[in-house]
Protein backbone atom coordinates (compact mmCIF):
# COMPACT_ATOMS: atom_id res chain seq x y z
CA MET A 1 72.67 109.07 83.30
CA TYR A 2 76.21 107.74 83.23
CA ALA A 3 79.52 108.71 84.48
CA LEU A 4 83.02 108.10 83.32
CA ILE A 5 85.33 106.84 86.10
CA GLU A 6 89.03 105.78 86.66
CA THR A 7 89.96 102.62 88.89
CA GLY A 8 92.67 100.42 88.91
CA GLY A 9 94.70 102.48 86.15
CA LYS A 10 91.53 101.99 83.54
CA GLN A 11 88.77 104.13 82.53
CA TYR A 12 85.14 102.94 82.36
CA ARG A 13 81.66 104.13 81.46
CA VAL A 14 79.17 103.15 83.74
CA ASN A 15 75.60 103.35 84.26
CA GLU A 16 73.36 102.56 87.38
CA GLY A 17 72.86 98.82 87.61
CA ASP A 18 75.79 97.84 85.57
CA ASN A 19 78.06 94.99 86.20
CA LEU A 20 81.80 95.62 85.90
CA PHE A 21 84.99 93.68 85.99
CA ILE A 22 87.61 95.73 87.53
CA GLU A 23 91.09 95.37 88.93
CA LYS A 24 91.16 93.02 92.31
CA LEU A 25 90.17 94.90 95.34
CA ASP A 26 90.69 94.35 99.01
CA ALA A 27 86.97 93.95 99.79
CA GLU A 28 84.69 91.21 100.75
CA PRO A 29 81.69 90.14 98.60
CA GLY A 30 78.62 92.44 99.83
CA ASP A 31 80.80 95.20 100.83
CA THR A 32 79.97 98.63 99.27
CA PHE A 33 82.81 101.35 98.24
CA GLU A 34 82.78 104.69 96.51
CA VAL A 35 85.09 106.01 93.76
CA ASP A 36 85.44 109.60 93.66
CA LYS A 37 87.80 109.67 90.78
CA VAL A 38 84.79 110.81 88.35
CA LEU A 39 86.11 112.29 85.04
CA ALA A 40 82.72 113.26 83.65
CA VAL A 41 79.01 113.08 84.34
CA GLU A 42 76.16 113.18 81.92
CA LYS A 43 72.74 113.73 83.83
CA ASP A 44 69.42 115.07 81.91
CA GLY A 45 71.25 116.04 78.62
CA GLU A 46 73.82 118.00 80.43
CA PHE A 47 77.60 116.94 80.33
CA LYS A 48 79.87 117.98 82.81
CA VAL A 49 83.74 117.33 82.39
CA GLY A 50 86.21 117.69 85.29
CA THR A 51 89.61 119.16 85.65
CA PRO A 52 90.88 116.36 86.13
CA VAL A 53 87.95 115.43 88.18
CA VAL A 54 84.46 116.31 88.80
CA GLU A 55 83.98 118.07 92.22
CA GLY A 56 81.51 116.47 94.54
CA ALA A 57 80.97 113.44 92.27
CA SER A 58 81.27 109.86 93.35
CA VAL A 59 80.17 106.46 92.14
CA ARG A 60 78.95 103.90 94.78
CA PHE A 61 79.59 100.21 93.82
CA LYS A 62 78.73 96.71 95.66
CA VAL A 63 81.20 94.08 95.42
CA LYS A 64 79.82 90.63 93.97
CA ARG A 65 82.65 88.27 93.77
CA HIS A 66 86.27 87.80 93.02
CA GLY A 67 87.80 85.66 90.54
CA LYS A 68 90.49 84.96 87.76
CA GLY A 69 90.20 85.71 84.05
CA LYS A 70 91.06 83.27 81.20
CA LYS A 71 94.46 81.69 81.09
CA ILE A 72 96.81 83.45 78.66
CA ILE A 73 99.94 81.56 77.52
CA VAL A 74 103.20 83.60 77.59
CA PHE A 75 105.84 81.49 75.35
CA LYS A 76 109.35 82.71 74.48
CA TYR A 77 111.77 81.05 72.42
CA LYS A 78 114.95 81.60 70.24
CA PRO A 79 115.19 79.79 67.14
CA LYS A 80 118.02 77.36 66.59
CA LYS A 81 119.24 77.70 70.38
CA MET A 82 117.03 75.17 72.13
CA TYR A 83 115.64 78.18 74.21
CA ARG A 84 111.97 77.68 75.25
CA ARG A 85 110.10 78.85 78.27
CA LYS A 86 106.22 78.48 78.59
CA GLN A 87 104.21 80.32 81.43
CA GLY A 88 100.57 80.69 82.01
CA HIS A 89 98.77 83.70 83.79
CA ARG A 90 95.25 84.40 85.06
CA GLN A 91 94.47 87.92 85.87
CA PRO A 92 92.47 88.31 89.18
CA PHE A 93 89.40 90.56 89.23
CA THR A 94 86.63 91.79 91.20
CA GLU A 95 83.04 91.92 89.71
CA VAL A 96 80.95 94.94 91.06
CA GLU A 97 77.53 96.35 90.65
CA VAL A 98 76.88 100.17 90.19
CA GLU A 99 74.56 101.14 92.88
CA LYS A 100 74.36 104.90 92.62
CA ILE A 101 76.01 107.91 90.68
CA ASN A 102 76.01 111.02 92.77
CA SER A 103 76.75 114.17 90.91
């Protein structure tokens, strides 16, 4: 059984017991929350697609931790003009575990 969900502007395929790194949420580690934006569900060989979401379907997550991703370097320059700008960025994330898929 798996589901296709949308959270944080991205879409994920999730199975029960999976760990995901999603956009940062306002939840404490140990909290649970549900996502009801389920785009499709597969259960026992039957594939159900929503228009745009599957009615009555939801996925329950448990928050494991918060963190920051790897650093990326943003470097801008213009040749022959002595213009240089260097900036780093680390995207915050929330690690969650899929507890249950309700369909």
